[in-house]
Structure formats: structure tokens, C-alpha cells
PDB file of N, CA and C in Angstrom:
ATOM      1  N   MET A   1      11.838   4.817 -25.416  1.00  0.00           N
ATOM      2  CA  MET A   1      11.590   4.388 -23.990  1.00  0.00           C
ATOM      3  C   MET A   1      10.078   5.044 -23.485  1.00  0.00           C
ATOM      4  N   GLY A   2       9.243   5.380 -24.255  1.00  0.00           N
ATOM      5  CA  GLY A   2       8.134   5.856 -23.987  1.00  0.00           C
ATOM      6  C   GLY A   2       8.158   7.302 -23.020  1.00  0.00           C
ATOM      7  N   LYS A   3       7.575   7.054 -21.712  1.00  0.00           N
ATOM      8  CA  LYS A   3       7.550   7.978 -20.986  1.00  0.00           C
ATOM      9  C   LYS A   3       8.885   8.149 -19.927  1.00  0.00           C
ATOM     10  N   PHE A   4       9.763   7.155 -20.219  1.00  0.00           N
ATOM     11  CA  PHE A   4      10.868   6.871 -19.647  1.00  0.00           C
ATOM     12  C   PHE A   4      11.697   7.988 -20.047  1.00  0.00           C
ATOM     13  N   ARG A   5      12.953   8.585 -19.046  1.00  0.00           N
ATOM     14  CA  ARG A   5      13.815   9.678 -19.385  1.00  0.00           C
ATOM     15  C   ARG A   5      15.030   8.984 -18.164  1.00  0.00           C
ATOM     16  N   ILE A   6      16.323   8.989 -18.499  1.00  0.00           N
ATOM     17  CA  ILE A   6      17.560   8.741 -17.789  1.00  0.00           C
ATOM     18  C   ILE A   6      18.323  10.108 -17.941  1.00  0.00           C
ATOM     19  N   ARG A   7      18.392  10.388 -16.650  1.00  0.00           N
ATOM     20  CA  ARG A   7      19.103  11.970 -16.368  1.00  0.00           C
ATOM     21  C   ARG A   7      20.562  11.688 -15.523  1.00  0.00           C
ATOM     22  N   GLU A   8      21.551  11.817 -16.200  1.00  0.00           N
ATOM     23  CA  GLU A   8      23.060  11.985 -15.414  1.00  0.00           C
ATOM     24  C   GLU A   8      22.933  13.223 -14.652  1.00  0.00           C
ATOM     25  N   CYS A   9      23.638  13.175 -13.361  1.00  0.00           N
ATOM     26  CA  CYS A   9      23.879  14.363 -12.399  1.00  0.00           C
ATOM     27  C   CYS A   9      24.748  13.969 -11.057  1.00  0.00           C
ATOM     28  N   SER A  10      25.231  15.075 -10.563  1.00  0.00           N
ATOM     29  CA  SER A  10      25.776  14.952  -9.505  1.00  0.00           C
ATOM     30  C   SER A  10      24.993  15.246  -8.389  1.00  0.00           C
ATOM     31  N   ASP A  11      24.900  14.765  -7.580  1.00  0.00           N
ATOM     32  CA  ASP A  11      23.993  14.979  -6.204  1.00  0.00           C
ATOM     33  C   ASP A  11      25.030  15.117  -4.708  1.00  0.00           C
ATOM     34  N   LEU A  12      24.962  16.510  -4.136  1.00  0.00           N
ATOM     35  CA  LEU A  12      25.687  16.408  -2.804  1.00  0.00           C
ATOM     36  C   LEU A  12      25.756  15.358  -2.151  1.00  0.00           C
ATOM     37  N   ASP A  13      24.668  14.622  -2.247  1.00  0.00           N
ATOM     38  CA  ASP A  13      24.529  13.451  -1.109  1.00  0.00           C
ATOM     39  C   ASP A  13      25.159  12.410  -1.066  1.00  0.00           C
ATOM     40  N   TYR A  14      25.718  12.534  -2.611  1.00  0.00           N
ATOM     41  CA  TYR A  14      26.451  11.223  -3.145  1.00  0.00           C
ATOM     42  C   TYR A  14      28.080  11.214  -3.609  1.00  0.00           C
ATOM     43  N   ASP A  15      29.060  10.805  -3.237  1.00  0.00           N
ATOM     44  CA  ASP A  15      30.397  10.815  -3.527  1.00  0.00           C
ATOM     45  C   ASP A  15      30.682  10.867  -5.087  1.00  0.00           C
ATOM     46  N   GLY A  16      30.262   9.852  -5.785  1.00  0.00           N
ATOM     47  CA  GLY A  16      30.070   9.830  -7.395  1.00  0.00           C
ATOM     48  C   GLY A  16      29.147  10.307  -8.172  1.00  0.00           C
ATOM     49  N   MET A  17      28.924  10.815  -9.283  1.00  0.00           N
ATOM     50  CA  MET A  17      27.893  10.382 -10.064  1.00  0.00           C
ATOM     51  C   MET A  17      26.602   9.784  -9.983  1.00  0.00           C
ATOM     52  N   VAL A  18      25.539  10.132 -10.044  1.00  0.00           N
ATOM     53  CA  VAL A  18      24.304   9.199 -10.161  1.00  0.00           C
ATOM     54  C   VAL A  18      23.585   9.347 -11.474  1.00  0.00           C
ATOM     55  N   VAL A  19      22.584   8.518 -11.418  1.00  0.00           N
ATOM     56  CA  VAL A  19      21.656   8.460 -12.213  1.00  0.00           C
ATOM     57  C   VAL A  19      20.184   8.453 -11.923  1.00  0.00           C
ATOM     58  N   ASP A  20      19.093   9.635 -12.447  1.00  0.00           N
ATOM     59  CA  ASP A  20      17.755   9.706 -12.322  1.00  0.00           C
ATOM     60  C   ASP A  20      17.352   9.050 -13.116  1.00  0.00           C
ATOM     61  N   ILE A  21      16.180   8.328 -13.043  1.00  0.00           N
ATOM     62  CA  ILE A  21      15.221   7.446 -13.799  1.00  0.00           C
ATOM     63  C   ILE A  21      13.941   8.543 -13.531  1.00  0.00           C
ATOM     64  N   ILE A  22      13.341   9.054 -14.436  1.00  0.00           N
ATOM     65  CA  ILE A  22      12.324  10.041 -14.467  1.00  0.00           C
ATOM     66  C   ILE A  22      11.106   9.363 -15.339  1.00  0.00           C
ATOM     67  N   TYR A  23      10.066   9.356 -14.842  1.00  0.00           N
ATOM     68  CA  TYR A  23       8.927   8.756 -15.426  1.00  0.00           C
ATOM     69  C   TYR A  23       7.764   9.611 -15.715  1.00  0.00           C
ATOM     70  N   ASP A  24       7.466   9.875 -16.935  1.00  0.00           N
ATOM     71  CA  ASP A  24       6.002  11.142 -16.956  1.00  0.00           C
ATOM     72  C   ASP A  24       6.312  12.274 -16.388  1.00  0.00           C
ATOM     73  N   ASP A  25       7.912  12.656 -16.366  1.00  0.00           N
ATOM     74  CA  ASP A  25       8.187  14.094 -16.083  1.00  0.00           C
ATOM     75  C   ASP A  25       8.336  14.140 -14.422  1.00  0.00           C
ATOM     76  N   LYS A  26       8.286  12.948 -14.013  1.00  0.00           N
ATOM     77  CA  LYS A  26       8.558  12.937 -12.154  1.00  0.00           C
ATOM     78  C   LYS A  26       9.421  11.947 -12.020  1.00  0.00           C
ATOM     79  N   TRP A  27      10.195  12.546 -10.951  1.00  0.00           N
ATOM     80  CA  TRP A  27      11.417  11.460 -10.347  1.00  0.00           C
ATOM     81  C   TRP A  27      11.138  10.248  -9.819  1.00  0.00           C
ATOM     82  N   LEU A  28      11.516   9.152 -10.412  1.00  0.00           N
ATOM     83  CA  LEU A  28      10.753   7.579  -9.685  1.00  0.00           C
ATOM     84  C   LEU A  28      11.812   7.318  -9.300  1.00  0.00           C
ATOM     85  N   ALA A  29      13.493   7.604  -9.623  1.00  0.00           N
ATOM     86  CA  ALA A  29      14.481   6.531  -8.563  1.00  0.00           C
ATOM     87  C   ALA A  29      15.961   7.534  -9.118  1.00  0.00           C
ATOM     88  N   THR A  30      16.769   7.004  -8.126  1.00  0.00           N
ATOM     89  CA  THR A  30      18.194   7.198  -8.020  1.00  0.00           C
ATOM     90  C   THR A  30      18.847   5.954  -7.905  1.00  0.00           C
ATOM     91  N   LEU A  31      19.776   6.122  -8.976  1.00  0.00           N
ATOM     92  CA  LEU A  31      21.012   4.935  -9.059  1.00  0.00           C
ATOM     93  C   LEU A  31      22.303   5.479  -8.354  1.00  0.00           C
ATOM     94  N   SER A  32      23.074   4.857  -7.387  1.00  0.00           N
ATOM     95  CA  SER A  32      24.261   5.393  -6.930  1.00  0.00           C
ATOM     96  C   SER A  32      25.119   4.186  -6.645  1.00  0.00           C
ATOM     97  N   CYS A  33      26.398   4.440  -7.012  1.00  0.00           N
ATOM     98  CA  CYS A  33      27.364   3.285  -6.809  1.00  0.00           C
ATOM     99  C   CYS A  33      28.282   3.674  -5.990  1.00  0.00           C
ATOM    100  N   ASP A  34      28.286   4.415  -4.544  1.00  0.00           N
ATOM    101  CA  ASP A  34      29.197   4.840  -3.789  1.00  0.00           C
ATOM    102  C   ASP A  34      30.014   3.754  -3.015  1.00  0.00           C
ATOM    103  N   GLY A  35      29.642   2.751  -3.038  1.00  0.00           N
ATOM    104  CA  GLY A  35      29.774   1.566  -2.184  1.00  0.00           C
ATOM    105  C   GLY A  35      30.585   0.423  -3.107  1.00  0.00           C
ATOM    106  N   GLY A  36      30.813   1.013  -4.316  1.00  0.00           N
ATOM    107  CA  GLY A  36      31.306   0.147  -5.580  1.00  0.00           C
ATOM    108  C   GLY A  36      30.383  -0.224  -6.355  1.00  0.00           C
ATOM    109  N   PHE A  37      30.592  -0.559  -7.550  1.00  0.00           N
ATOM    110  CA  PHE A  37      29.682  -1.197  -8.628  1.00  0.00           C
ATOM    111  C   PHE A  37      28.589  -2.107  -8.044  1.00  0.00           C
ATOM    112  N   ASP A  38      29.570  -3.004  -7.657  1.00  0.00           N
ATOM    113  CA  ASP A  38      28.884  -4.501  -7.184  1.00  0.00           C
ATOM    114  C   ASP A  38      27.875  -4.260  -5.797  1.00  0.00           C
ATOM    115  N   LYS A  39      28.009  -3.026  -5.395  1.00  0.00           N
ATOM    116  CA  LYS A  39      27.037  -2.618  -4.230  1.00  0.00           C
ATOM    117  C   LYS A  39      26.118  -1.661  -4.807  1.00  0.00           C
ATOM    118  N   THR A  40      25.776  -1.372  -5.913  1.00  0.00           N
ATOM    119  CA  THR A  40      24.841  -0.172  -6.389  1.00  0.00           C
ATOM    120  C   THR A  40      23.526  -0.361  -5.773  1.00  0.00           C
ATOM    121  N   VAL A  41      22.860   0.789  -5.787  1.00  0.00           N
ATOM    122  CA  VAL A  41      21.736   1.024  -4.913  1.00  0.00           C
ATOM    123  C   VAL A  41      20.920   1.764  -5.773  1.00  0.00           C
ATOM    124  N   ILE A  42      19.621   1.419  -5.528  1.00  0.00           N
ATOM    125  CA  ILE A  42      18.332   1.840  -6.727  1.00  0.00           C
ATOM    126  C   ILE A  42      17.740   2.676  -5.266  1.00  0.00           C
ATOM    127  N   LYS A  43      17.140   3.879  -5.084  1.00  0.00           N
ATOM    128  CA  LYS A  43      16.415   4.553  -4.164  1.00  0.00           C
ATOM    129  C   LYS A  43      15.126   5.053  -5.094  1.00  0.00           C
ATOM    130  N   PHE A  44      13.909   4.848  -4.572  1.00  0.00           N
ATOM    131  CA  PHE A  44      12.726   5.080  -5.488  1.00  0.00           C
ATOM    132  C   PHE A  44      12.188   5.996  -4.399  1.00  0.00           C
ATOM    133  N   PHE A  45      11.367   7.039  -5.288  1.00  0.00           N
ATOM    134  CA  PHE A  45      10.974   8.301  -4.629  1.00  0.00           C
ATOM    135  C   PHE A  45       8.962   8.156  -5.047  1.00  0.00           C
ATOM    136  N   CYS A  46       8.595   8.258  -4.121  1.00  0.00           N
ATOM    137  CA  CYS A  46       6.965   8.097  -4.257  1.00  0.00           C
ATOM    138  C   CYS A  46       6.135   9.557  -4.005  1.00  0.00           C
ATOM    139  N   ASP A  47       5.406  10.008  -4.485  1.00  0.00           N
ATOM    140  CA  ASP A  47       4.558  11.004  -4.211  1.00  0.00           C
ATOM    141  C   ASP A  47       3.096  10.250  -3.615  1.00  0.00           C
ATOM    142  N   ASN A  48       2.997   9.944  -2.492  1.00  0.00           N
ATOM    143  CA  ASN A  48       1.548   9.297  -2.422  1.00  0.00           C
ATOM    144  C   ASN A  48       0.510  10.313  -2.521  1.00  0.00           C
ATOM    145  N   ASN A  49       0.510  11.611  -2.360  1.00  0.00           N
ATOM    146  CA  ASN A  49      -0.696  12.620  -2.666  1.00  0.00           C
ATOM    147  C   ASN A  49      -0.864  12.350  -3.863  1.00  0.00           C
ATOM    148  N   GLU A  50      -0.179  12.438  -4.937  1.00  0.00           N
ATOM    149  CA  GLU A  50      -0.333  12.602  -6.385  1.00  0.00           C
ATOM    150  C   GLU A  50      -0.217  11.162  -6.942  1.00  0.00           C
ATOM    151  N   ASN A  51       0.648  10.262  -6.817  1.00  0.00           N
ATOM    152  CA  ASN A  51       0.852   8.868  -7.397  1.00  0.00           C
ATOM    153  C   ASN A  51       0.891   7.921  -6.199  1.00  0.00           C
ATOM    154  N   PRO A  52      -0.121   7.256  -5.783  1.00  0.00           N
ATOM    155  CA  PRO A  52      -0.157   6.382  -4.795  1.00  0.00           C
ATOM    156  C   PRO A  52       0.511   5.032  -5.516  1.00  0.00           C
ATOM    157  N   SER A  53       0.545   5.084  -6.649  1.00  0.00           N
ATOM    158  CA  SER A  53       0.977   3.698  -7.212  1.00  0.00           C
ATOM    159  C   SER A  53       1.906   3.973  -8.557  1.00  0.00           C
ATOM    160  N   TRP A  54       2.478   3.465  -9.307  1.00  0.00           N
ATOM    161  CA  TRP A  54       3.445   3.524 -10.379  1.00  0.00           C
ATOM    162  C   TRP A  54       2.752   2.403 -11.286  1.00  0.00           C
ATOM    163  N   GLU A  55       2.481   2.497 -12.575  1.00  0.00           N
ATOM    164  CA  GLU A  55       2.285   1.474 -13.583  1.00  0.00           C
ATOM    165  C   GLU A  55       2.832   1.901 -14.572  1.00  0.00           C
ATOM    166  N   PHE A  56       3.593   0.784 -15.330  1.00  0.00           N
ATOM    167  CA  PHE A  56       4.366   0.968 -16.498  1.00  0.00           C
ATOM    168  C   PHE A  56       4.669  -0.206 -17.089  1.00  0.00           C
ATOM    169  N   ASN A  57       5.118  -0.470 -18.439  1.00  0.00           N
ATOM    170  CA  ASN A  57       5.271  -1.595 -18.920  1.00  0.00           C
ATOM    171  C   ASN A  57       6.943  -2.125 -18.317  1.00  0.00           C
ATOM    172  N   PHE A  58       6.398  -3.642 -18.054  1.00  0.00           N
ATOM    173  CA  PHE A  58       7.716  -4.302 -17.100  1.00  0.00           C
ATOM    174  C   PHE A  58       8.758  -4.288 -18.250  1.00  0.00           C
ATOM    175  N   PHE A  59       8.764  -4.809 -19.344  1.00  0.00           N
ATOM    176  CA  PHE A  59       9.963  -4.607 -20.349  1.00  0.00           C
ATOM    177  C   PHE A  59      10.638  -3.319 -20.671  1.00  0.00           C
ATOM    178  N   GLU A  60       9.463  -2.172 -20.635  1.00  0.00           N
ATOM    179  CA  GLU A  60      10.390  -0.854 -20.503  1.00  0.00           C
ATOM    180  C   GLU A  60      11.154  -0.403 -19.746  1.00  0.00           C
ATOM    181  N   PHE A  61      10.806  -0.953 -18.283  1.00  0.00           N
ATOM    182  CA  PHE A  61      11.529  -0.755 -17.125  1.00  0.00           C
ATOM    183  C   PHE A  61      12.672  -1.211 -17.125  1.00  0.00           C
ATOM    184  N   ILE A  62      12.625  -2.833 -17.307  1.00  0.00           N
ATOM    185  CA  ILE A  62      14.189  -3.489 -17.415  1.00  0.00           C
ATOM    186  C   ILE A  62      14.825  -2.892 -18.308  1.00  0.00           C
ATOM    187  N   GLN A  63      14.561  -2.357 -19.606  1.00  0.00           N
ATOM    188  CA  GLN A  63      15.419  -1.491 -20.309  1.00  0.00           C
ATOM    189  C   GLN A  63      15.644  -0.369 -19.848  1.00  0.00           C
ATOM    190  N   VAL A  64      15.197   0.547 -19.171  1.00  0.00           N
ATOM    191  CA  VAL A  64      15.540   1.634 -18.626  1.00  0.00           C
ATOM    192  C   VAL A  64      16.531   1.157 -17.472  1.00  0.00           C
ATOM    193  N   LEU A  65      16.273   0.277 -16.817  1.00  0.00           N
ATOM    194  CA  LEU A  65      17.104   0.089 -15.876  1.00  0.00           C
ATOM    195  C   LEU A  65      18.496  -0.622 -16.303  1.00  0.00           C
ATOM    196  N   ASN A  66      18.793  -1.224 -17.369  1.00  0.00           N
ATOM    197  CA  ASN A  66      19.868  -2.091 -17.983  1.00  0.00           C
ATOM    198  C   ASN A  66      20.469  -0.490 -18.673  1.00  0.00           C
ATOM    199  N   ASN A  67      19.896   0.418 -19.306  1.00  0.00           N
ATOM    200  CA  ASN A  67      20.595   1.638 -19.552  1.00  0.00           C
ATOM    201  C   ASN A  67      21.025   2.265 -18.611  1.00  0.00           C
ATOM    202  N   SER A  68      20.244   2.214 -17.676  1.00  0.00           N
ATOM    203  CA  SER A  68      20.668   3.506 -16.415  1.00  0.00           C
ATOM    204  C   SER A  68      21.992   2.695 -15.804  1.00  0.00           C
ATOM    205  N   ILE A  69      22.225   1.637 -15.711  1.00  0.00           N
ATOM    206  CA  ILE A  69      23.453   0.951 -14.768  1.00  0.00           C
ATOM    207  C   ILE A  69      24.589   0.916 -15.794  1.00  0.00           C
ATOM    208  N   LYS A  70      24.440   0.919 -17.326  1.00  0.00           N
ATOM    209  CA  LYS A  70      25.587   1.369 -18.121  1.00  0.00           C
ATOM    210  C   LYS A  70      25.891   2.751 -18.112  1.00  0.00           C
ATOM    211  N   ILE A  71      25.072   3.755 -18.104  1.00  0.00           N
ATOM    212  CA  ILE A  71      25.491   4.752 -18.023  1.00  0.00           C
ATOM    213  C   ILE A  71      26.026   5.293 -16.511  1.00  0.00           C
ATOM    214  N   LEU A  72      25.603   4.676 -15.271  1.00  0.00           N
ATOM    215  CA  LEU A  72      26.109   4.539 -14.321  1.00  0.00           C
ATOM    216  C   LEU A  72      27.639   4.393 -14.081  1.00  0.00           C
ATOM    217  N   LYS A  73      28.033   3.328 -14.819  1.00  0.00           N
ATOM    218  CA  LYS A  73      29.132   2.783 -14.786  1.00  0.00           C
ATOM    219  C   LYS A  73      30.202   3.490 -15.595  1.00  0.00           C
ATOM    220  N   GLU A  74      29.512   4.059 -16.707  1.00  0.00           N
ATOM    221  CA  GLU A  74      30.319   5.204 -17.477  1.00  0.00           C
ATOM    222  C   GLU A  74      30.638   6.217 -16.864  1.00  0.00           C
ATOM    223  N   ILE A  75      29.718   7.221 -16.349  1.00  0.00           N
ATOM    224  CA  ILE A  75      29.919   8.257 -15.808  1.00  0.00           C
ATOM    225  C   ILE A  75      31.011   8.230 -14.300  1.00  0.00           C
ATOM    226  N   ASN A  76      31.143   6.936 -13.768  1.00  0.00           N
ATOM    227  CA  ASN A  76      31.797   6.814 -12.727  1.00  0.00           C
ATOM    228  C   ASN A  76      33.272   6.226 -12.892  1.00  0.00           C
ATOM    229  N   ASN A  77      33.368   6.305 -14.077  1.00  0.00           N
ATOM    230  CA  ASN A  77      34.875   5.570 -14.935  1.00  0.00           C
ATOM    231  C   ASN A  77      34.841   4.022 -14.248  1.00  0.00           C
ATOM    232  N   LEU A  78      33.951   3.317 -14.349  1.00  0.00           N
ATOM    233  CA  LEU A  78      34.032   2.101 -13.519  1.00  0.00           C
ATOM    234  C   LEU A  78      34.443   0.839 -14.659  1.00  0.00           C
ATOM    235  N   ASP A  79      34.833   1.295 -15.927  1.00  0.00           N
ATOM    236  CA  ASP A  79      34.785   0.220 -17.038  1.00  0.00           C
ATOM    237  C   ASP A  79      36.269  -0.650 -16.889  1.00  0.00           C
TER     238      ASP A  79
END
């Protein structure tokens, strides 16, 4: 997945487990499903000083999103 990594974690701001998407060793986004799997939310993080914009391969990003949602479902026992 190139420079992308997926990290499973527990965050005190959320009731369930979350999945973080890391790009080039920087925190890009968090997926959570506290409101139910059908209401999964993605929260993006941007460091405007260091990274005013992100640019990466579209298909790699879609693959990361698909893998992230599968992991989110598994770690929250939503199968």
C-alpha cells in the first residue's frame, strides 16, 4: 500500500475501537462507527503548516479505505 499504513486503536473520544489511516508517517484520518456500522464516520486531520494539501494515488487510497472499513468491522465485532 505504498506510504499508507492502517492502525487499529482505542481512543478515549470514541466508545468502540477505531482505525487510523497513516500516510507517510503522518496521521491522515480516523474511521469510527460509534453510531452503528451504517453510520461510519471518517475524520480527516490536516497540518496546514506542514502539509497544505495531500496528494496520493487514488486507487491506493480506495484500497486503504476498503481495508480500513473491513478492519473496523472486525475489531468492533460487527460481523
